[in-house]
Structure formats: C-alpha cells, structure tokens
Amino acid sequence: MDYIETWKEVIQRPSDFYRRMPTTGGYNDPLTFAALSYLIYGLLSGLFGRGMMGGMYGYSGFREFGFATAIGTAIMAPIVGIISVFIGAAVLYVIYKVLGGSGTYEGTVRFISYATAVMAVSWIPLIGWVFGLYGIYLYIVGGMVVHDVSMAKSVIAVLLPTFLIILLVMIMAVLVGSIAYTMIFPS
C-alpha cells in the first residue's frame, strides 16, 4: 500500500476511490492506512497543536508539553483511532441496515478507515475543523457507495449518531437543571 497515493486519491476523488475500493479482502490495508493517518495526526498535533507550540493557545494552567508528550500522543492516537474505527463502523453498519443499505460490516470498516485521511491534516490549528467537515463528506460518500443508498439516506446515517448525542446531552442538561432548581428552590 502506498500511503501517499492512496491519501491523494481519497482526498481528491473520493467517489472514484470508493467505487474502486474492494469491500472485502480483509482489514489489513485499510487499518494500516488508518493507523498511519492517526499516527501522523498524533505526532503533529502533539508537536504543533498542543505540543512544543502549546503557548499559541494561551496558558492553560498546565506545564508546557514537550517531545515526550508528542511521542505519547503519537503512540496512543493510532490505538484509540483503530478502536474508534471498529466502534463507529458497528454503529454506522446498523444504521445503514435499518435504512435499507446492502453493504457489509467489513465494507463499512474499510470506508471509515480510508476516511481517516483527513486526520493527517486536521491537526493544523485554526483550520483543522474544515478538514473535519470534509471527513463527514468522506463518510457520506463512502456510505453511499458501500451500502448502495441515496445521498439523503447516507447523510441521515452519518449525522444521526451526532444528533442523538446532542439530544441526549440536552435531555441530561434539562434533567440536571431541573434537579438543581428543585434543590435550590424547594416547593
């Protein structure tokens, strides 16, 4: 696997890439790609995002990060990232199936793994969030192709977990607020 060529294909021509991407054949190549993307993210965000240039975000009350923290981040990012790929794939697989998708769990893991291409550049301060949004687009396109669903269904599948988490947080906030209110102002 040539990481740089694959990365360029995913970023520049995601529809073509996902159409040509085999949805079977094992997890080795896609997970290696994801691990490298997370490794790059971890190392560069450790060095530049919060690391040796940590002062650019202002004083946070913690000691400046150093090279050891950058290395620790580079080691942990691929581990946590690969775990999140498997969990995210399970969640999306179920949602796509409910929406009538025809893809497999392995195909879902594969498209999510390649969508991690954005991680290699999302560490960039101030503009990294733009690449995060592009990552959502990569999920939508990958899901459309792998599960053979419309763009609307793929958008629903990709955004539904986020919507549900936001809804759950809002419900929890209302409950905590109600409990706090009754404690402060008992009847």
N, C-alpha and C. Protein backbone atom coordinates (compact mmCIF):
# COMPACT_ATOMS: atom_id res chain seq x y z
N MET A 1 0.84 -1.19 0.00
CA MET A 1 0.00 0.00 0.00
C MET A 1 0.88 1.24 0.00
N ASP A 2 0.63 2.13 -0.91
CA ASP A 2 1.34 3.40 -0.98
C ASP A 2 0.46 4.45 -0.28
N TYR A 3 0.85 4.82 0.93
CA TYR A 3 0.02 5.71 1.74
C TYR A 3 -0.25 7.04 1.02
N ILE A 4 0.78 7.66 0.49
CA ILE A 4 0.61 8.99 -0.10
C ILE A 4 -0.31 8.95 -1.32
N GLU A 5 -0.14 7.98 -2.19
CA GLU A 5 -1.01 7.88 -3.37
C GLU A 5 -2.46 7.58 -2.96
N THR A 6 -2.63 6.68 -2.01
CA THR A 6 -3.98 6.37 -1.52
C THR A 6 -4.60 7.61 -0.88
N TRP A 7 -3.81 8.33 -0.08
CA TRP A 7 -4.29 9.54 0.59
C TRP A 7 -4.78 10.56 -0.45
N LYS A 8 -3.98 10.78 -1.49
CA LYS A 8 -4.37 11.74 -2.53
C LYS A 8 -5.65 11.31 -3.23
N GLU A 9 -5.78 10.02 -3.51
CA GLU A 9 -7.00 9.51 -4.16
C GLU A 9 -8.23 9.76 -3.30
N VAL A 10 -8.12 9.43 -2.00
CA VAL A 10 -9.26 9.59 -1.09
C VAL A 10 -9.65 11.06 -0.99
N ILE A 11 -8.67 11.93 -0.83
CA ILE A 11 -8.94 13.36 -0.65
C ILE A 11 -9.43 14.01 -1.93
N GLN A 12 -8.80 13.71 -3.05
CA GLN A 12 -9.11 14.40 -4.30
C GLN A 12 -10.29 13.82 -5.07
N ARG A 13 -10.46 12.50 -5.04
CA ARG A 13 -11.52 11.84 -5.81
C ARG A 13 -12.21 10.76 -4.98
N PRO A 14 -12.89 11.16 -3.91
CA PRO A 14 -13.47 10.14 -3.03
C PRO A 14 -14.50 9.24 -3.70
N SER A 15 -15.34 9.77 -4.56
CA SER A 15 -16.35 8.92 -5.22
C SER A 15 -15.67 7.84 -6.05
N ASP A 16 -14.70 8.24 -6.85
CA ASP A 16 -13.98 7.26 -7.67
C ASP A 16 -13.23 6.26 -6.80
N PHE A 17 -12.60 6.76 -5.74
CA PHE A 17 -11.85 5.87 -4.86
C PHE A 17 -12.77 4.82 -4.24
N TYR A 18 -13.90 5.25 -3.68
CA TYR A 18 -14.80 4.32 -3.02
C TYR A 18 -15.45 3.34 -4.01
N ARG A 19 -15.68 3.78 -5.23
CA ARG A 19 -16.24 2.86 -6.24
C ARG A 19 -15.25 1.75 -6.59
N ARG A 20 -13.96 2.09 -6.62
CA ARG A 20 -12.92 1.10 -6.94
C ARG A 20 -12.47 0.30 -5.73
N MET A 21 -12.75 0.80 -4.54
CA MET A 21 -12.30 0.15 -3.32
C MET A 21 -13.01 -1.19 -3.15
N PRO A 22 -12.25 -2.28 -2.97
CA PRO A 22 -12.92 -3.55 -2.69
C PRO A 22 -13.57 -3.50 -1.30
N THR A 23 -14.74 -4.07 -1.20
CA THR A 23 -15.44 -4.06 0.09
C THR A 23 -15.13 -5.33 0.89
N THR A 24 -14.33 -6.20 0.31
CA THR A 24 -13.87 -7.41 1.00
C THR A 24 -12.37 -7.53 0.77
N GLY A 25 -11.77 -8.48 1.44
CA GLY A 25 -10.34 -8.70 1.26
C GLY A 25 -9.56 -8.52 2.53
N GLY A 26 -10.25 -8.35 3.63
CA GLY A 26 -9.58 -8.24 4.90
C GLY A 26 -9.41 -6.80 5.36
N TYR A 27 -8.93 -6.68 6.57
CA TYR A 27 -8.81 -5.39 7.23
C TYR A 27 -7.40 -4.80 7.18
N ASN A 28 -6.43 -5.58 6.74
CA ASN A 28 -5.03 -5.17 6.84
C ASN A 28 -4.73 -3.82 6.18
N ASP A 29 -5.00 -3.70 4.88
CA ASP A 29 -4.67 -2.45 4.18
C ASP A 29 -5.43 -1.24 4.72
N PRO A 30 -6.77 -1.33 4.88
CA PRO A 30 -7.47 -0.14 5.38
C PRO A 30 -7.06 0.25 6.80
N LEU A 31 -6.85 -0.74 7.67
CA LEU A 31 -6.46 -0.40 9.05
C LEU A 31 -5.03 0.11 9.12
N THR A 32 -4.16 -0.38 8.25
CA THR A 32 -2.80 0.17 8.18
C THR A 32 -2.86 1.62 7.76
N PHE A 33 -3.70 1.92 6.76
CA PHE A 33 -3.88 3.30 6.32
C PHE A 33 -4.39 4.17 7.46
N ALA A 34 -5.41 3.68 8.17
CA ALA A 34 -5.98 4.44 9.29
C ALA A 34 -4.94 4.65 10.39
N ALA A 35 -4.18 3.61 10.70
CA ALA A 35 -3.16 3.72 11.75
C ALA A 35 -2.12 4.77 11.38
N LEU A 36 -1.71 4.79 10.12
CA LEU A 36 -0.74 5.82 9.68
C LEU A 36 -1.34 7.21 9.75
N SER A 37 -2.60 7.34 9.36
CA SER A 37 -3.26 8.65 9.44
C SER A 37 -3.33 9.13 10.89
N TYR A 38 -3.71 8.24 11.80
CA TYR A 38 -3.77 8.60 13.22
C TYR A 38 -2.39 8.85 13.80
N LEU A 39 -1.38 8.11 13.34
CA LEU A 39 -0.01 8.34 13.80
C LEU A 39 0.46 9.73 13.40
N ILE A 40 0.21 10.11 12.16
CA ILE A 40 0.58 11.45 11.68
C ILE A 40 -0.15 12.50 12.50
N TYR A 41 -1.46 12.29 12.69
CA TYR A 41 -2.25 13.22 13.49
C TYR A 41 -1.68 13.35 14.90
N GLY A 42 -1.45 12.22 15.54
CA GLY A 42 -0.96 12.23 16.91
C GLY A 42 0.39 12.92 17.04
N LEU A 43 1.31 12.60 16.16
CA LEU A 43 2.63 13.20 16.24
C LEU A 43 2.59 14.70 15.97
N LEU A 44 1.91 15.09 14.90
CA LEU A 44 1.90 16.52 14.54
C LEU A 44 1.04 17.35 15.48
N SER A 45 -0.06 16.80 15.97
CA SER A 45 -0.83 17.58 16.94
C SER A 45 -0.10 17.66 18.26
N GLY A 46 0.63 16.61 18.60
CA GLY A 46 1.43 16.64 19.81
C GLY A 46 2.57 17.65 19.73
N LEU A 47 3.17 17.75 18.56
CA LEU A 47 4.29 18.68 18.38
C LEU A 47 3.83 20.13 18.18
N PHE A 48 2.83 20.31 17.34
CA PHE A 48 2.47 21.68 16.94
C PHE A 48 1.14 22.15 17.49
N GLY A 49 0.17 21.26 17.59
CA GLY A 49 -1.14 21.68 18.05
C GLY A 49 -1.16 22.03 19.52
N ARG A 50 -0.65 21.13 20.35
CA ARG A 50 -0.62 21.36 21.78
C ARG A 50 0.79 21.22 22.33
N GLY A 51 1.67 20.78 21.52
CA GLY A 51 2.98 20.40 21.99
C GLY A 51 3.95 21.55 22.14
N MET A 52 5.00 21.51 21.37
CA MET A 52 6.08 22.47 21.54
C MET A 52 5.62 23.90 21.28
N MET A 53 4.52 24.05 20.56
CA MET A 53 3.98 25.38 20.33
C MET A 53 2.73 25.59 21.18
N GLY A 54 2.64 24.88 22.29
CA GLY A 54 1.46 24.93 23.14
C GLY A 54 1.11 26.32 23.59
N GLY A 55 2.08 27.20 23.66
CA GLY A 55 1.84 28.56 24.09
C GLY A 55 0.93 29.34 23.15
N MET A 56 0.82 28.89 21.91
CA MET A 56 -0.02 29.64 20.98
C MET A 56 -1.49 29.57 21.35
N TYR A 57 -1.87 28.63 22.22
CA TYR A 57 -3.24 28.53 22.68
C TYR A 57 -3.43 29.23 24.01
N GLY A 58 -2.41 29.85 24.50
CA GLY A 58 -2.51 30.55 25.78
C GLY A 58 -2.19 29.62 26.93
N TYR A 59 -2.12 30.18 28.10
CA TYR A 59 -1.79 29.42 29.29
C TYR A 59 -3.01 28.65 29.75
N SER A 60 -2.85 27.37 29.95
CA SER A 60 -3.98 26.56 30.37
C SER A 60 -3.84 26.09 31.81
N GLY A 61 -2.81 26.50 32.48
CA GLY A 61 -2.62 26.07 33.84
C GLY A 61 -1.76 24.83 33.94
N PHE A 62 -1.43 24.23 32.81
CA PHE A 62 -0.61 23.03 32.80
C PHE A 62 0.79 23.37 32.29
N ARG A 63 1.74 22.55 32.67
CA ARG A 63 3.09 22.70 32.19
C ARG A 63 3.14 22.53 30.67
N GLU A 64 4.03 23.22 30.01
CA GLU A 64 4.17 23.08 28.55
C GLU A 64 4.42 21.63 28.18
N PHE A 65 3.82 21.21 27.09
CA PHE A 65 4.07 19.88 26.58
C PHE A 65 5.44 19.84 25.94
N GLY A 66 6.01 18.70 25.87
CA GLY A 66 7.32 18.55 25.24
C GLY A 66 7.33 17.39 24.27
N PHE A 67 8.52 17.00 23.90
CA PHE A 67 8.70 15.95 22.93
C PHE A 67 8.13 14.62 23.43
N ALA A 68 8.28 14.33 24.71
CA ALA A 68 7.77 13.07 25.27
C ALA A 68 6.25 13.01 25.15
N THR A 69 5.59 14.12 25.36
CA THR A 69 4.13 14.16 25.22
C THR A 69 3.74 13.93 23.77
N ALA A 70 4.50 14.52 22.85
CA ALA A 70 4.23 14.33 21.42
C ALA A 70 4.37 12.86 21.05
N ILE A 71 5.39 12.20 21.56
CA ILE A 71 5.59 10.78 21.27
C ILE A 71 4.45 9.95 21.88
N GLY A 72 4.07 10.28 23.12
CA GLY A 72 2.97 9.58 23.77
C GLY A 72 1.67 9.73 22.99
N THR A 73 1.43 10.93 22.50
CA THR A 73 0.23 11.18 21.70
C THR A 73 0.30 10.39 20.40
N ALA A 74 1.48 10.34 19.79
CA ALA A 74 1.65 9.61 18.54
C ALA A 74 1.43 8.11 18.74
N ILE A 75 1.77 7.60 19.90
CA ILE A 75 1.57 6.18 20.19
C ILE A 75 0.10 5.89 20.48
N MET A 76 -0.55 6.74 21.26
CA MET A 76 -1.93 6.49 21.66
C MET A 76 -2.95 6.76 20.55
N ALA A 77 -2.68 7.74 19.70
CA ALA A 77 -3.64 8.11 18.66
C ALA A 77 -4.02 6.94 17.75
N PRO A 78 -3.06 6.17 17.23
CA PRO A 78 -3.47 5.04 16.39
C PRO A 78 -4.25 3.96 17.15
N ILE A 79 -3.90 3.73 18.40
CA ILE A 79 -4.61 2.71 19.18
C ILE A 79 -6.05 3.12 19.40
N VAL A 80 -6.24 4.33 19.90
CA VAL A 80 -7.60 4.85 20.15
C VAL A 80 -8.34 5.00 18.81
N GLY A 81 -7.63 5.44 17.79
CA GLY A 81 -8.24 5.63 16.48
C GLY A 81 -8.77 4.34 15.89
N ILE A 82 -7.99 3.26 15.95
CA ILE A 82 -8.43 1.98 15.39
C ILE A 82 -9.62 1.44 16.17
N ILE A 83 -9.61 1.59 17.48
CA ILE A 83 -10.76 1.17 18.29
C ILE A 83 -12.00 1.96 17.86
N SER A 84 -11.83 3.27 17.64
CA SER A 84 -12.97 4.10 17.23
C SER A 84 -13.47 3.73 15.84
N VAL A 85 -12.57 3.27 14.96
CA VAL A 85 -12.99 2.83 13.63
C VAL A 85 -13.95 1.64 13.76
N PHE A 86 -13.58 0.66 14.58
CA PHE A 86 -14.43 -0.53 14.75
C PHE A 86 -15.77 -0.19 15.40
N ILE A 87 -15.74 0.66 16.42
CA ILE A 87 -16.99 1.05 17.09
C ILE A 87 -17.87 1.89 16.15
N GLY A 88 -17.26 2.87 15.49
CA GLY A 88 -18.01 3.70 14.55
C GLY A 88 -18.60 2.88 13.41
N ALA A 89 -17.84 1.90 12.93
CA ALA A 89 -18.33 1.05 11.85
C ALA A 89 -19.52 0.22 12.32
N ALA A 90 -19.49 -0.26 13.54
CA ALA A 90 -20.62 -1.05 14.06
C ALA A 90 -21.88 -0.20 14.13
N VAL A 91 -21.73 1.03 14.64
CA VAL A 91 -22.88 1.93 14.76
C VAL A 91 -23.43 2.27 13.37
N LEU A 92 -22.54 2.68 12.47
CA LEU A 92 -23.00 3.05 11.12
C LEU A 92 -23.56 1.86 10.36
N TYR A 93 -22.96 0.70 10.52
CA TYR A 93 -23.45 -0.50 9.84
C TYR A 93 -24.91 -0.77 10.21
N VAL A 94 -25.22 -0.69 11.50
CA VAL A 94 -26.59 -0.92 11.95
C VAL A 94 -27.53 0.13 11.37
N ILE A 95 -27.12 1.39 11.40
CA ILE A 95 -27.98 2.46 10.87
C ILE A 95 -28.21 2.28 9.37
N TYR A 96 -27.13 1.98 8.63
CA TYR A 96 -27.29 1.76 7.18
C TYR A 96 -28.22 0.58 6.91
N LYS A 97 -28.13 -0.48 7.70
CA LYS A 97 -29.01 -1.64 7.51
C LYS A 97 -30.47 -1.25 7.75
N VAL A 98 -30.71 -0.46 8.80
CA VAL A 98 -32.07 0.00 9.10
C VAL A 98 -32.61 0.84 7.94
N LEU A 99 -31.72 1.61 7.31
CA LEU A 99 -32.12 2.47 6.19
C LEU A 99 -32.15 1.73 4.85
N GLY A 100 -31.94 0.43 4.87
CA GLY A 100 -32.03 -0.36 3.65
C GLY A 100 -30.70 -0.57 2.93
N GLY A 101 -29.60 -0.27 3.57
CA GLY A 101 -28.30 -0.45 2.95
C GLY A 101 -27.96 -1.91 2.73
N SER A 102 -27.14 -2.17 1.72
CA SER A 102 -26.82 -3.55 1.37
C SER A 102 -25.36 -3.90 1.64
N GLY A 103 -24.61 -3.01 2.23
CA GLY A 103 -23.19 -3.25 2.46
C GLY A 103 -22.93 -4.16 3.64
N THR A 104 -21.66 -4.47 3.82
CA THR A 104 -21.24 -5.35 4.91
C THR A 104 -20.52 -4.54 5.99
N TYR A 105 -20.35 -5.18 7.14
CA TYR A 105 -19.57 -4.55 8.21
C TYR A 105 -18.14 -4.31 7.74
N GLU A 106 -17.56 -5.28 7.06
CA GLU A 106 -16.19 -5.10 6.57
C GLU A 106 -16.09 -3.92 5.61
N GLY A 107 -17.05 -3.77 4.72
CA GLY A 107 -17.05 -2.63 3.81
C GLY A 107 -17.15 -1.32 4.57
N THR A 108 -17.93 -1.32 5.65
CA THR A 108 -18.07 -0.12 6.48
C THR A 108 -16.75 0.21 7.16
N VAL A 109 -16.09 -0.79 7.71
CA VAL A 109 -14.77 -0.56 8.32
C VAL A 109 -13.80 -0.01 7.29
N ARG A 110 -13.86 -0.53 6.09
CA ARG A 110 -12.94 -0.10 5.03
C ARG A 110 -13.16 1.37 4.67
N PHE A 111 -14.42 1.79 4.44
CA PHE A 111 -14.61 3.19 4.04
C PHE A 111 -14.30 4.14 5.17
N ILE A 112 -14.60 3.75 6.41
CA ILE A 112 -14.26 4.62 7.54
C ILE A 112 -12.75 4.72 7.69
N SER A 113 -12.05 3.60 7.50
CA SER A 113 -10.59 3.62 7.61
C SER A 113 -9.98 4.58 6.61
N TYR A 114 -10.46 4.55 5.38
CA TYR A 114 -9.90 5.45 4.38
C TYR A 114 -10.34 6.90 4.59
N ALA A 115 -11.49 7.11 5.20
CA ALA A 115 -11.93 8.47 5.51
C ALA A 115 -11.04 9.14 6.56
N THR A 116 -10.23 8.33 7.27
CA THR A 116 -9.30 8.92 8.24
C THR A 116 -8.19 9.70 7.56
N ALA A 117 -8.18 9.73 6.26
CA ALA A 117 -7.18 10.52 5.53
C ALA A 117 -7.17 11.97 6.02
N VAL A 118 -8.32 12.48 6.42
CA VAL A 118 -8.39 13.87 6.88
C VAL A 118 -7.60 14.08 8.17
N MET A 119 -7.37 13.02 8.92
CA MET A 119 -6.63 13.15 10.19
C MET A 119 -5.21 13.66 9.96
N ALA A 120 -4.64 13.33 8.82
CA ALA A 120 -3.26 13.75 8.53
C ALA A 120 -3.13 15.27 8.43
N VAL A 121 -4.23 15.96 8.21
CA VAL A 121 -4.18 17.43 8.10
C VAL A 121 -5.11 18.14 9.09
N SER A 122 -5.92 17.39 9.82
CA SER A 122 -6.86 18.05 10.73
C SER A 122 -6.21 18.57 12.01
N TRP A 123 -4.97 18.30 12.22
CA TRP A 123 -4.23 18.80 13.39
C TRP A 123 -3.86 20.27 13.22
N ILE A 124 -3.95 20.81 12.02
CA ILE A 124 -3.50 22.18 11.73
C ILE A 124 -4.37 23.16 12.52
N PRO A 125 -3.73 23.97 13.38
CA PRO A 125 -4.51 24.92 14.19
C PRO A 125 -5.33 25.89 13.34
N LEU A 126 -6.46 26.25 13.83
CA LEU A 126 -7.40 27.21 13.27
C LEU A 126 -8.15 26.72 12.04
N ILE A 127 -7.58 25.86 11.20
CA ILE A 127 -8.29 25.39 10.01
C ILE A 127 -8.56 23.89 10.03
N GLY A 128 -8.09 23.20 11.04
CA GLY A 128 -8.28 21.75 11.12
C GLY A 128 -9.74 21.34 11.08
N TRP A 129 -10.63 22.16 11.61
CA TRP A 129 -12.05 21.85 11.64
C TRP A 129 -12.63 21.74 10.23
N VAL A 130 -12.06 22.48 9.27
CA VAL A 130 -12.53 22.40 7.89
C VAL A 130 -12.32 20.98 7.36
N PHE A 131 -11.17 20.40 7.68
CA PHE A 131 -10.89 19.04 7.26
C PHE A 131 -11.80 18.06 7.97
N GLY A 132 -12.17 18.37 9.20
CA GLY A 132 -13.14 17.54 9.92
C GLY A 132 -14.48 17.50 9.20
N LEU A 133 -14.91 18.65 8.69
CA LEU A 133 -16.14 18.69 7.91
C LEU A 133 -16.00 17.88 6.62
N TYR A 134 -14.82 17.96 6.02
CA TYR A 134 -14.59 17.17 4.81
C TYR A 134 -14.62 15.67 5.14
N GLY A 135 -14.18 15.33 6.34
CA GLY A 135 -14.25 13.94 6.78
C GLY A 135 -15.69 13.45 6.84
N ILE A 136 -16.61 14.31 7.25
CA ILE A 136 -18.03 13.94 7.25
C ILE A 136 -18.48 13.65 5.82
N TYR A 137 -18.04 14.49 4.90
CA TYR A 137 -18.36 14.27 3.48
C TYR A 137 -17.82 12.92 3.01
N LEU A 138 -16.59 12.59 3.41
CA LEU A 138 -16.00 11.30 3.02
C LEU A 138 -16.83 10.13 3.57
N TYR A 139 -17.33 10.27 4.80
CA TYR A 139 -18.20 9.24 5.37
C TYR A 139 -19.47 9.10 4.54
N ILE A 140 -20.07 10.23 4.17
CA ILE A 140 -21.32 10.22 3.40
C ILE A 140 -21.12 9.54 2.05
N VAL A 141 -20.06 9.93 1.35
CA VAL A 141 -19.78 9.34 0.03
C VAL A 141 -19.45 7.86 0.17
N GLY A 142 -18.61 7.52 1.14
CA GLY A 142 -18.26 6.11 1.35
C GLY A 142 -19.47 5.26 1.67
N GLY A 143 -20.35 5.77 2.53
CA GLY A 143 -21.56 5.03 2.88
C GLY A 143 -22.49 4.87 1.70
N MET A 144 -22.61 5.90 0.87
CA MET A 144 -23.45 5.80 -0.33
C MET A 144 -22.98 4.66 -1.22
N VAL A 145 -21.68 4.62 -1.45
CA VAL A 145 -21.13 3.62 -2.38
C VAL A 145 -21.17 2.22 -1.77
N VAL A 146 -20.67 2.08 -0.55
CA VAL A 146 -20.56 0.75 0.07
C VAL A 146 -21.93 0.15 0.36
N HIS A 147 -22.87 0.96 0.80
CA HIS A 147 -24.19 0.44 1.19
C HIS A 147 -25.25 0.63 0.11
N ASP A 148 -24.85 1.25 -1.01
CA ASP A 148 -25.75 1.44 -2.14
C ASP A 148 -27.06 2.11 -1.72
N VAL A 149 -26.89 3.28 -1.09
CA VAL A 149 -28.05 4.07 -0.67
C VAL A 149 -27.95 5.46 -1.29
N SER A 150 -29.03 6.21 -1.21
CA SER A 150 -29.04 7.58 -1.72
C SER A 150 -28.20 8.48 -0.82
N MET A 151 -27.89 9.65 -1.35
CA MET A 151 -27.14 10.61 -0.54
C MET A 151 -27.93 11.01 0.70
N ALA A 152 -29.24 11.18 0.55
CA ALA A 152 -30.06 11.57 1.69
C ALA A 152 -29.99 10.53 2.80
N LYS A 153 -30.09 9.25 2.46
CA LYS A 153 -30.00 8.20 3.47
C LYS A 153 -28.61 8.15 4.09
N SER A 154 -27.59 8.39 3.29
CA SER A 154 -26.24 8.37 3.82
C SER A 154 -26.01 9.54 4.77
N VAL A 155 -26.55 10.70 4.43
CA VAL A 155 -26.45 11.86 5.32
C VAL A 155 -27.14 11.54 6.65
N ILE A 156 -28.32 10.95 6.58
CA ILE A 156 -29.04 10.58 7.80
C ILE A 156 -28.21 9.61 8.63
N ALA A 157 -27.66 8.59 7.98
CA ALA A 157 -26.88 7.58 8.69
C ALA A 157 -25.66 8.19 9.39
N VAL A 158 -24.99 9.11 8.70
CA VAL A 158 -23.77 9.69 9.25
C VAL A 158 -24.08 10.72 10.34
N LEU A 159 -25.12 11.51 10.16
CA LEU A 159 -25.41 12.57 11.12
C LEU A 159 -26.30 12.13 12.29
N LEU A 160 -27.03 11.03 12.13
CA LEU A 160 -27.93 10.56 13.19
C LEU A 160 -27.22 10.33 14.52
N PRO A 161 -26.08 9.65 14.56
CA PRO A 161 -25.42 9.47 15.87
C PRO A 161 -25.07 10.79 16.55
N THR A 162 -24.60 11.76 15.79
CA THR A 162 -24.26 13.07 16.36
C THR A 162 -25.52 13.75 16.89
N PHE A 163 -26.60 13.70 16.10
CA PHE A 163 -27.86 14.29 16.53
C PHE A 163 -28.35 13.64 17.82
N LEU A 164 -28.27 12.32 17.90
CA LEU A 164 -28.73 11.61 19.10
C LEU A 164 -27.89 11.96 20.32
N ILE A 165 -26.58 12.12 20.12
CA ILE A 165 -25.72 12.51 21.24
C ILE A 165 -26.07 13.92 21.72
N ILE A 166 -26.27 14.84 20.79
CA ILE A 166 -26.65 16.21 21.16
C ILE A 166 -27.99 16.20 21.89
N LEU A 167 -28.94 15.43 21.39
CA LEU A 167 -30.25 15.33 22.03
C LEU A 167 -30.11 14.76 23.44
N LEU A 168 -29.30 13.72 23.60
CA LEU A 168 -29.08 13.12 24.91
C LEU A 168 -28.44 14.13 25.87
N VAL A 169 -27.47 14.89 25.40
CA VAL A 169 -26.82 15.91 26.24
C VAL A 169 -27.83 16.97 26.65
N MET A 170 -28.69 17.38 25.73
CA MET A 170 -29.71 18.38 26.06
C MET A 170 -30.69 17.84 27.10
N ILE A 171 -31.10 16.60 26.95
CA ILE A 171 -32.01 15.99 27.92
C ILE A 171 -31.35 15.92 29.29
N MET A 172 -30.09 15.50 29.31
CA MET A 172 -29.35 15.42 30.58
C MET A 172 -29.22 16.80 31.21
N ALA A 173 -28.95 17.82 30.39
CA ALA A 173 -28.81 19.18 30.91
C ALA A 173 -30.13 19.66 31.53
N VAL A 174 -31.24 19.36 30.87
CA VAL A 174 -32.55 19.75 31.40
C VAL A 174 -32.82 19.01 32.72
N LEU A 175 -32.51 17.73 32.76
CA LEU A 175 -32.72 16.96 33.98
C LEU A 175 -31.86 17.48 35.13
N VAL A 176 -30.60 17.72 34.85
CA VAL A 176 -29.69 18.25 35.89
C VAL A 176 -30.17 19.64 36.32
N GLY A 177 -30.58 20.46 35.36
CA GLY A 177 -31.09 21.79 35.69
C GLY A 177 -32.34 21.72 36.54
N SER A 178 -33.22 20.79 36.22
CA SER A 178 -34.45 20.62 37.00
C SER A 178 -34.15 20.17 38.42
N ILE A 179 -33.25 19.23 38.55
CA ILE A 179 -32.87 18.74 39.88
C ILE A 179 -32.21 19.86 40.67
N ALA A 180 -31.31 20.59 40.04
CA ALA A 180 -30.64 21.70 40.73
C ALA A 180 -31.66 22.77 41.14
N TYR A 181 -32.61 23.06 40.27
CA TYR A 181 -33.63 24.07 40.57
C TYR A 181 -34.46 23.64 41.78
N THR A 182 -34.86 22.35 41.81
CA THR A 182 -35.68 21.89 42.94
C THR A 182 -34.87 21.85 44.24
N MET A 183 -33.57 21.69 44.13
CA MET A 183 -32.75 21.69 45.34
C MET A 183 -32.54 23.12 45.87
N ILE A 184 -32.42 24.05 44.93
CA ILE A 184 -32.19 25.45 45.33
C ILE A 184 -33.50 26.11 45.75
N PHE A 185 -34.57 25.83 45.04
CA PHE A 185 -35.88 26.43 45.32
C PHE A 185 -36.91 25.34 45.62
N PRO A 186 -36.81 24.72 46.80
CA PRO A 186 -37.79 23.66 47.10
C PRO A 186 -39.19 24.25 47.24
N SER A 187 -40.20 23.45 46.93
CA SER A 187 -41.59 23.93 46.99
C SER A 187 -42.04 24.11 48.40
